[in-house]
Amino acid sequence: MTASTPASPFPSIADRFAAVRGHVVQAAVEAGRDPASIVLTAVSKTQGEAALQAALDAGQRVFGENRVQEAYAHWVDRRAAFPDLELRLIGPLQTNKATEAVALFDVIETLDREKLAAALAAAMKKTGRRPQVLIQVNTGAEPQKAGVLPDQADGLIASARDAYGLTVEGLMCIPPADAPPEPHFALLAEIAARNGLRVLSMGMSGDYQAAIRLGATHVRVGSALFGERRTP
């Protein structure tokens, strides 16, 4: 940029990543936690090629996608160039997409029913890949939202582990949009603790700092990194 070129009034994606990473560190330090123990998952759904490349150029390697087919379009050709890429499915998964999901993703965060556990186990046997799994908990018991109900979470965790042999690493939640998120984060942490689970994927652009204070190991951030979401 020359001396005569005005600075852009809009932050670049690189600037946004730097800012969010700084906030993650600050929240972790304030909570007495090691910032390195918290993973920033960049929610890349609906993003264009330029935005994805800018995120990669900023050093980001962990990405969350909502849809299997869109994730293939975004990442399948980039795997060879970025062997340290980690892809996490953070959207609802239909059983008929289980094989495709297992073939692409390193972590599936949205296991929420026994039928899907069976489909994932069969897909893993078929493909030879064994992505880690998180159980999605519908902490607000919202009828329109995916996730196992809190009082049924222990049973699904046990079934996924024991009956289907899945590697259950932790839990994920999306609190109700119109409620304080802290009680939902605390509930998720409580369920994880009694089941011996170490991973808590919770917190998004508007509340990831609160989630870190309450034990999040992974925060899923989209608009704070990429700007307001584009319509597909």
C-alpha atoms as a PDB file:
ATOM      1  CA  MET A   1       0.000   0.000   0.000  1.00  0.00           C
ATOM      2  CA  THR A   2       1.452   3.372  -1.031  1.00  0.00           C
ATOM      3  CA  ALA A   3       1.350   6.512   1.068  1.00  0.00           C
ATOM      4  CA  SER A   4      -1.464   7.856  -1.086  1.00  0.00           C
ATOM      5  CA  THR A   5      -3.597   4.716  -0.763  1.00  0.00           C
ATOM      6  CA  PRO A   6      -6.136   5.030   2.068  1.00  0.00           C
ATOM      7  CA  ALA A   7      -6.424   2.166   4.526  1.00  0.00           C
ATOM      8  CA  SER A   8      -9.513   0.020   4.106  1.00  0.00           C
ATOM      9  CA  PRO A   9     -12.224   0.723   6.697  1.00  0.00           C
ATOM     10  CA  PHE A  10     -13.020  -3.008   6.701  1.00  0.00           C
ATOM     11  CA  PRO A  11     -10.782  -5.528   8.480  1.00  0.00           C
ATOM     12  CA  SER A  12      -9.183  -8.171   6.303  1.00  0.00           C
ATOM     13  CA  ILE A  13      -9.672 -11.852   7.026  1.00  0.00           C
ATOM     14  CA  ALA A  14      -6.084 -11.962   8.279  1.00  0.00           C
ATOM     15  CA  ASP A  15      -6.871  -9.102  10.673  1.00  0.00           C
ATOM     16  CA  ARG A  16     -10.011 -10.883  11.847  1.00  0.00           C
ATOM     17  CA  PHE A  17      -8.104 -14.084  12.550  1.00  0.00           C
ATOM     18  CA  ALA A  18      -5.480 -12.163  14.496  1.00  0.00           C
ATOM     19  CA  ALA A  19      -8.167 -10.438  16.560  1.00  0.00           C
ATOM     20  CA  VAL A  20     -10.082 -13.625  17.364  1.00  0.00           C
ATOM     21  CA  ARG A  21      -6.902 -15.490  18.252  1.00  0.00           C
ATOM     22  CA  GLY A  22      -6.014 -12.645  20.574  1.00  0.00           C
ATOM     23  CA  HIS A  23      -9.406 -12.850  22.259  1.00  0.00           C
ATOM     24  CA  VAL A  24      -9.016 -16.622  22.665  1.00  0.00           C
ATOM     25  CA  VAL A  25      -5.679 -16.120  24.394  1.00  0.00           C
ATOM     26  CA  GLN A  26      -7.079 -13.379  26.618  1.00  0.00           C
ATOM     27  CA  ALA A  27     -10.111 -15.438  27.651  1.00  0.00           C
ATOM     28  CA  ALA A  28      -7.930 -18.461  28.380  1.00  0.00           C
ATOM     29  CA  VAL A  29      -5.461 -16.484  30.487  1.00  0.00           C
ATOM     30  CA  GLU A  30      -8.282 -14.849  32.434  1.00  0.00           C
ATOM     31  CA  ALA A  31      -9.693 -18.326  33.131  1.00  0.00           C
ATOM     32  CA  GLY A  32      -6.316 -19.643  34.265  1.00  0.00           C
ATOM     33  CA  ARG A  33      -6.072 -21.953  31.269  1.00  0.00           C
ATOM     34  CA  ASP A  34      -3.341 -22.657  28.731  1.00  0.00           C
ATOM     35  CA  PRO A  35      -4.316 -20.887  25.473  1.00  0.00           C
ATOM     36  CA  ALA A  36      -2.700 -23.730  23.542  1.00  0.00           C
ATOM     37  CA  SER A  37      -5.354 -26.099  24.923  1.00  0.00           C
ATOM     38  CA  ILE A  38      -8.106 -24.321  22.953  1.00  0.00           C
ATOM     39  CA  VAL A  39      -8.631 -25.032  19.256  1.00  0.00           C
ATOM     40  CA  LEU A  40     -10.126 -22.409  16.970  1.00  0.00           C
ATOM     41  CA  THR A  41     -12.409 -24.046  14.401  1.00  0.00           C
ATOM     42  CA  ALA A  42     -13.078 -21.714  11.477  1.00  0.00           C
ATOM     43  CA  VAL A  43     -16.635 -22.206  10.226  1.00  0.00           C
ATOM     44  CA  SER A  44     -16.136 -22.111   6.482  1.00  0.00           C
ATOM     45  CA  LYS A  45     -19.628 -22.955   5.246  1.00  0.00           C
ATOM     46  CA  THR A  46     -20.828 -20.821   2.316  1.00  0.00           C
ATOM     47  CA  GLN A  47     -17.415 -19.164   1.980  1.00  0.00           C
ATOM     48  CA  GLY A  48     -15.869 -18.565  -1.436  1.00  0.00           C
ATOM     49  CA  GLU A  49     -12.466 -19.617  -2.690  1.00  0.00           C
ATOM     50  CA  ALA A  50     -10.810 -16.294  -1.851  1.00  0.00           C
ATOM     51  CA  ALA A  51     -11.979 -16.429   1.760  1.00  0.00           C
ATOM     52  CA  LEU A  52     -10.810 -20.019   2.193  1.00  0.00           C
ATOM     53  CA  GLN A  53      -7.413 -19.183   0.763  1.00  0.00           C
ATOM     54  CA  ALA A  54      -7.112 -16.125   2.979  1.00  0.00           C
ATOM     55  CA  ALA A  55      -7.823 -18.286   6.033  1.00  0.00           C
ATOM     56  CA  LEU A  56      -5.199 -20.806   4.953  1.00  0.00           C
ATOM     57  CA  ASP A  57      -2.726 -17.995   4.326  1.00  0.00           C
ATOM     58  CA  ALA A  58      -3.419 -16.803   7.875  1.00  0.00           C
ATOM     59  CA  GLY A  59      -2.252 -20.188   9.136  1.00  0.00           C
ATOM     60  CA  GLN A  60      -5.661 -21.673   9.885  1.00  0.00           C
ATOM     61  CA  ARG A  61      -5.835 -25.440   9.498  1.00  0.00           C
ATOM     62  CA  VAL A  62      -8.966 -26.501  11.419  1.00  0.00           C
ATOM     63  CA  PHE A  63     -12.253 -25.913   9.611  1.00  0.00           C
ATOM     64  CA  GLY A  64     -15.881 -26.710  10.367  1.00  0.00           C
ATOM     65  CA  GLU A  65     -18.416 -27.453   7.657  1.00  0.00           C
ATOM     66  CA  ASN A  66     -22.187 -27.936   7.880  1.00  0.00           C
ATOM     67  CA  ARG A  67     -22.848 -29.860   4.689  1.00  0.00           C
ATOM     68  CA  VAL A  68     -21.036 -32.875   3.324  1.00  0.00           C
ATOM     69  CA  GLN A  69     -21.266 -31.944  -0.359  1.00  0.00           C
ATOM     70  CA  GLU A  70     -20.158 -28.361   0.194  1.00  0.00           C
ATOM     71  CA  ALA A  71     -17.227 -29.615   2.247  1.00  0.00           C
ATOM     72  CA  TYR A  72     -16.143 -31.852  -0.627  1.00  0.00           C
ATOM     73  CA  ALA A  73     -16.242 -28.862  -2.986  1.00  0.00           C
ATOM     74  CA  HIS A  74     -14.206 -26.778  -0.553  1.00  0.00           C
ATOM     75  CA  TRP A  75     -11.560 -29.233   0.558  1.00  0.00           C
ATOM     76  CA  VAL A  76     -11.129 -32.462  -1.380  1.00  0.00           C
ATOM     77  CA  ASP A  77      -8.654 -30.898  -3.831  1.00  0.00           C
ATOM     78  CA  ARG A  78      -6.784 -29.097  -1.045  1.00  0.00           C
ATOM     79  CA  ARG A  79      -5.959 -32.196   1.003  1.00  0.00           C
ATOM     80  CA  ALA A  80      -2.690 -32.910  -0.797  1.00  0.00           C
ATOM     81  CA  ALA A  81      -1.456 -29.337  -0.470  1.00  0.00           C
ATOM     82  CA  PHE A  82      -2.335 -29.098   3.227  1.00  0.00           C
ATOM     83  CA  PRO A  83      -1.642 -32.459   4.892  1.00  0.00           C
ATOM     84  CA  ASP A  84      -2.182 -30.912   8.337  1.00  0.00           C
ATOM     85  CA  LEU A  85      -5.731 -29.878   7.473  1.00  0.00           C
ATOM     86  CA  GLU A  86      -8.393 -30.961   9.974  1.00  0.00           C
ATOM     87  CA  LEU A  87     -12.011 -31.052   8.840  1.00  0.00           C
ATOM     88  CA  ARG A  88     -14.840 -31.180  11.351  1.00  0.00           C
ATOM     89  CA  LEU A  89     -18.491 -31.801  10.460  1.00  0.00           C
ATOM     90  CA  ILE A  90     -20.538 -29.442  12.618  1.00  0.00           C
ATOM     91  CA  GLY A  91     -23.903 -29.688  10.876  1.00  0.00           C
ATOM     92  CA  PRO A  92     -26.627 -32.356  11.096  1.00  0.00           C
ATOM     93  CA  LEU A  93     -25.797 -35.599   9.308  1.00  0.00           C
ATOM     94  CA  GLN A  94     -28.268 -37.811   7.489  1.00  0.00           C
ATOM     95  CA  THR A  95     -27.592 -41.523   7.700  1.00  0.00           C
ATOM     96  CA  ASN A  96     -27.418 -41.824   3.894  1.00  0.00           C
ATOM     97  CA  LYS A  97     -24.455 -39.404   3.918  1.00  0.00           C
ATOM     98  CA  ALA A  98     -22.532 -41.308   6.596  1.00  0.00           C
ATOM     99  CA  THR A  99     -20.081 -42.997   4.224  1.00  0.00           C
ATOM    100  CA  GLU A 100     -19.219 -39.747   2.450  1.00  0.00           C
ATOM    101  CA  ALA A 101     -18.804 -37.982   5.790  1.00  0.00           C
ATOM    102  CA  VAL A 102     -16.522 -40.661   7.200  1.00  0.00           C
ATOM    103  CA  ALA A 103     -14.415 -40.605   4.023  1.00  0.00           C
ATOM    104  CA  LEU A 104     -13.761 -36.846   4.270  1.00  0.00           C
ATOM    105  CA  PHE A 105     -14.001 -35.613   7.844  1.00  0.00           C
ATOM    106  CA  ASP A 106     -11.507 -36.103  10.648  1.00  0.00           C
ATOM    107  CA  VAL A 107     -14.089 -35.365  13.336  1.00  0.00           C
ATOM    108  CA  ILE A 108     -17.884 -35.677  13.254  1.00  0.00           C
ATOM    109  CA  GLU A 109     -19.366 -33.454  15.945  1.00  0.00           C
ATOM    110  CA  THR A 110     -23.053 -34.127  15.441  1.00  0.00           C
ATOM    111  CA  LEU A 111     -23.840 -37.696  16.447  1.00  0.00           C
ATOM    112  CA  ASP A 112     -27.257 -37.409  18.088  1.00  0.00           C
ATOM    113  CA  ARG A 113     -29.086 -40.741  17.696  1.00  0.00           C
ATOM    114  CA  GLU A 114     -28.438 -44.452  17.745  1.00  0.00           C
ATOM    115  CA  LYS A 115     -29.435 -44.952  14.105  1.00  0.00           C
ATOM    116  CA  LEU A 116     -26.686 -42.553  13.067  1.00  0.00           C
ATOM    117  CA  ALA A 117     -24.192 -44.313  15.355  1.00  0.00           C
ATOM    118  CA  ALA A 118     -24.949 -47.572  13.529  1.00  0.00           C
ATOM    119  CA  ALA A 119     -24.549 -45.883  10.138  1.00  0.00           C
ATOM    120  CA  LEU A 120     -21.214 -44.346  11.150  1.00  0.00           C
ATOM    121  CA  ALA A 121     -19.917 -47.660  12.455  1.00  0.00           C
ATOM    122  CA  ALA A 122     -20.851 -49.354   9.176  1.00  0.00           C
ATOM    123  CA  ALA A 123     -19.251 -46.545   7.155  1.00  0.00           C
ATOM    124  CA  MET A 124     -16.032 -46.804   9.149  1.00  0.00           C
ATOM    125  CA  LYS A 125     -15.862 -50.537   8.520  1.00  0.00           C
ATOM    126  CA  LYS A 126     -16.474 -49.930   4.817  1.00  0.00           C
ATOM    127  CA  THR A 127     -13.947 -47.116   4.339  1.00  0.00           C
ATOM    128  CA  GLY A 128     -11.293 -48.104   6.844  1.00  0.00           C
ATOM    129  CA  ARG A 129     -11.295 -44.576   8.265  1.00  0.00           C
ATOM    130  CA  ARG A 130     -12.110 -43.896  11.920  1.00  0.00           C
ATOM    131  CA  PRO A 131     -12.863 -40.214  12.505  1.00  0.00           C
ATOM    132  CA  GLN A 132     -13.344 -39.096  16.061  1.00  0.00           C
ATOM    133  CA  VAL A 133     -16.923 -38.489  17.153  1.00  0.00           C
ATOM    134  CA  LEU A 134     -18.616 -35.926  19.362  1.00  0.00           C
ATOM    135  CA  ILE A 135     -22.143 -36.271  20.698  1.00  0.00           C
ATOM    136  CA  GLN A 136     -24.324 -33.241  20.025  1.00  0.00           C
ATOM    137  CA  VAL A 137     -26.495 -32.382  23.022  1.00  0.00           C
ATOM    138  CA  ASN A 138     -29.628 -30.271  22.617  1.00  0.00           C
ATOM    139  CA  THR A 139     -29.094 -28.475  25.916  1.00  0.00           C
ATOM    140  CA  GLY A 140     -32.137 -26.262  25.444  1.00  0.00           C
ATOM    141  CA  ALA A 141     -34.445 -29.136  24.424  1.00  0.00           C
ATOM    142  CA  GLU A 142     -35.456 -27.119  21.356  1.00  0.00           C
ATOM    143  CA  PRO A 143     -37.751 -29.175  19.112  1.00  0.00           C
ATOM    144  CA  GLN A 144     -36.414 -27.624  15.908  1.00  0.00           C
ATOM    145  CA  LYS A 145     -32.780 -28.332  16.751  1.00  0.00           C
ATOM    146  CA  ALA A 146     -30.686 -31.484  16.359  1.00  0.00           C
ATOM    147  CA  GLY A 147     -29.030 -33.117  19.347  1.00  0.00           C
ATOM    148  CA  VAL A 148     -29.793 -35.733  21.952  1.00  0.00           C
ATOM    149  CA  LEU A 149     -31.705 -34.474  24.985  1.00  0.00           C
ATOM    150  CA  PRO A 150     -29.558 -33.974  28.091  1.00  0.00           C
ATOM    151  CA  ASP A 151     -31.265 -36.730  30.076  1.00  0.00           C
ATOM    152  CA  GLN A 152     -30.605 -39.181  27.238  1.00  0.00           C
ATOM    153  CA  ALA A 153     -26.994 -38.188  26.577  1.00  0.00           C
ATOM    154  CA  ASP A 154     -25.404 -40.723  28.937  1.00  0.00           C
ATOM    155  CA  GLY A 155     -27.234 -43.579  27.232  1.00  0.00           C
ATOM    156  CA  LEU A 156     -26.202 -42.497  23.740  1.00  0.00           C
ATOM    157  CA  ILE A 157     -22.581 -42.039  24.811  1.00  0.00           C
ATOM    158  CA  ALA A 158     -22.507 -45.548  26.265  1.00  0.00           C
ATOM    159  CA  SER A 159     -24.215 -47.056  23.231  1.00  0.00           C
ATOM    160  CA  ALA A 160     -21.905 -45.308  20.749  1.00  0.00           C
ATOM    161  CA  ARG A 161     -18.871 -46.561  22.638  1.00  0.00           C
ATOM    162  CA  ASP A 162     -19.929 -50.035  23.660  1.00  0.00           C
ATOM    163  CA  ALA A 163     -22.416 -51.198  21.056  1.00  0.00           C
ATOM    164  CA  TYR A 164     -20.870 -49.535  18.000  1.00  0.00           C
ATOM    165  CA  GLY A 165     -17.201 -49.136  18.949  1.00  0.00           C
ATOM    166  CA  LEU A 166     -17.038 -45.457  18.068  1.00  0.00           C
ATOM    167  CA  THR A 167     -14.262 -43.228  19.397  1.00  0.00           C
ATOM    168  CA  VAL A 168     -16.329 -40.719  21.350  1.00  0.00           C
ATOM    169  CA  GLU A 169     -14.019 -37.833  22.256  1.00  0.00           C
ATOM    170  CA  GLY A 170     -16.470 -35.332  23.674  1.00  0.00           C
ATOM    171  CA  LEU A 171     -19.633 -33.277  23.358  1.00  0.00           C
ATOM    172  CA  MET A 172     -20.938 -30.381  21.293  1.00  0.00           C
ATOM    173  CA  CYS A 173     -23.827 -27.974  21.834  1.00  0.00           C
ATOM    174  CA  ILE A 174     -25.495 -24.923  20.314  1.00  0.00           C
ATOM    175  CA  PRO A 175     -27.323 -22.992  23.055  1.00  0.00           C
ATOM    176  CA  PRO A 176     -30.677 -21.336  22.314  1.00  0.00           C
ATOM    177  CA  ALA A 177     -30.203 -18.027  20.538  1.00  0.00           C
ATOM    178  CA  ASP A 178     -32.474 -16.143  22.932  1.00  0.00           C
ATOM    179  CA  ALA A 179     -31.005 -17.396  26.217  1.00  0.00           C
ATOM    180  CA  PRO A 180     -27.781 -16.749  28.142  1.00  0.00           C
ATOM    181  CA  PRO A 181     -25.321 -19.393  26.945  1.00  0.00           C
ATOM    182  CA  GLU A 182     -23.470 -19.930  30.228  1.00  0.00           C
ATOM    183  CA  PRO A 183     -25.931 -22.400  31.816  1.00  0.00           C
ATOM    184  CA  HIS A 184     -25.852 -24.479  28.633  1.00  0.00           C
ATOM    185  CA  PHE A 185     -22.056 -24.534  28.555  1.00  0.00           C
ATOM    186  CA  ALA A 186     -22.005 -25.537  32.231  1.00  0.00           C
ATOM    187  CA  LEU A 187     -24.514 -28.339  31.577  1.00  0.00           C
ATOM    188  CA  LEU A 188     -22.437 -29.682  28.695  1.00  0.00           C
ATOM    189  CA  ALA A 189     -19.314 -29.650  30.868  1.00  0.00           C
ATOM    190  CA  GLU A 190     -21.171 -31.532  33.597  1.00  0.00           C
ATOM    191  CA  ILE A 191     -22.324 -34.268  31.211  1.00  0.00           C
ATOM    192  CA  ALA A 192     -18.808 -34.579  29.788  1.00  0.00           C
ATOM    193  CA  ALA A 193     -17.193 -34.833  33.215  1.00  0.00           C
ATOM    194  CA  ARG A 194     -19.387 -37.666  34.431  1.00  0.00           C
ATOM    195  CA  ASN A 195     -18.717 -39.611  31.242  1.00  0.00           C
ATOM    196  CA  GLY A 196     -14.963 -39.063  31.257  1.00  0.00           C
ATOM    197  CA  LEU A 197     -14.963 -36.973  28.078  1.00  0.00           C
ATOM    198  CA  ARG A 198     -12.282 -34.345  27.556  1.00  0.00           C
ATOM    199  CA  VAL A 199     -13.466 -32.435  24.465  1.00  0.00           C
ATOM    200  CA  LEU A 200     -16.076 -29.673  24.669  1.00  0.00           C
ATOM    201  CA  SER A 201     -16.977 -28.016  21.361  1.00  0.00           C
ATOM    202  CA  MET A 202     -19.005 -25.007  22.426  1.00  0.00           C
ATOM    203  CA  GLY A 203     -19.021 -21.305  21.762  1.00  0.00           C
ATOM    204  CA  MET A 204     -19.523 -19.406  18.511  1.00  0.00           C
ATOM    205  CA  SER A 205     -18.814 -15.878  17.292  1.00  0.00           C
ATOM    206  CA  GLY A 206     -20.982 -14.170  19.898  1.00  0.00           C
ATOM    207  CA  ASP A 207     -20.086 -16.214  22.957  1.00  0.00           C
ATOM    208  CA  TYR A 208     -16.815 -18.096  22.470  1.00  0.00           C
ATOM    209  CA  GLN A 209     -15.054 -16.170  25.225  1.00  0.00           C
ATOM    210  CA  ALA A 210     -17.742 -17.208  27.725  1.00  0.00           C
ATOM    211  CA  ALA A 211     -17.408 -20.793  26.494  1.00  0.00           C
ATOM    212  CA  ILE A 212     -13.659 -20.726  27.110  1.00  0.00           C
ATOM    213  CA  ARG A 213     -14.230 -19.549  30.666  1.00  0.00           C
ATOM    214  CA  LEU A 214     -16.495 -22.568  31.171  1.00  0.00           C
ATOM    215  CA  GLY A 215     -14.118 -25.153  29.746  1.00  0.00           C
ATOM    216  CA  ALA A 216     -14.459 -25.182  25.943  1.00  0.00           C
ATOM    217  CA  THR A 217     -11.628 -27.007  24.207  1.00  0.00           C
ATOM    218  CA  HIS A 218     -12.898 -26.105  20.732  1.00  0.00           C
ATOM    219  CA  VAL A 219     -14.710 -22.931  19.672  1.00  0.00           C
ATOM    220  CA  ARG A 220     -16.531 -22.698  16.340  1.00  0.00           C
ATOM    221  CA  VAL A 221     -16.228 -19.211  14.888  1.00  0.00           C
ATOM    222  CA  GLY A 222     -17.595 -18.040  11.554  1.00  0.00           C
ATOM    223  CA  SER A 223     -18.787 -14.465  11.125  1.00  0.00           C
ATOM    224  CA  ALA A 224     -16.170 -13.012  13.482  1.00  0.00           C
ATOM    225  CA  LEU A 225     -13.527 -14.460  11.131  1.00  0.00           C
ATOM    226  CA  PHE A 226     -15.104 -14.118   7.702  1.00  0.00           C
ATOM    227  CA  GLY A 227     -17.667 -11.359   8.130  1.00  0.00           C
ATOM    228  CA  GLU A 228     -21.394 -11.788   7.845  1.00  0.00           C
ATOM    229  CA  ARG A 229     -22.299 -15.073   6.212  1.00  0.00           C
ATOM    230  CA  ARG A 230     -23.029 -15.199   2.507  1.00  0.00           C
ATOM    231  CA  THR A 231     -26.205 -16.790   1.244  1.00  0.00           C
ATOM    232  CA  PRO A 232     -25.318 -20.034  -0.599  1.00  0.00           C
END
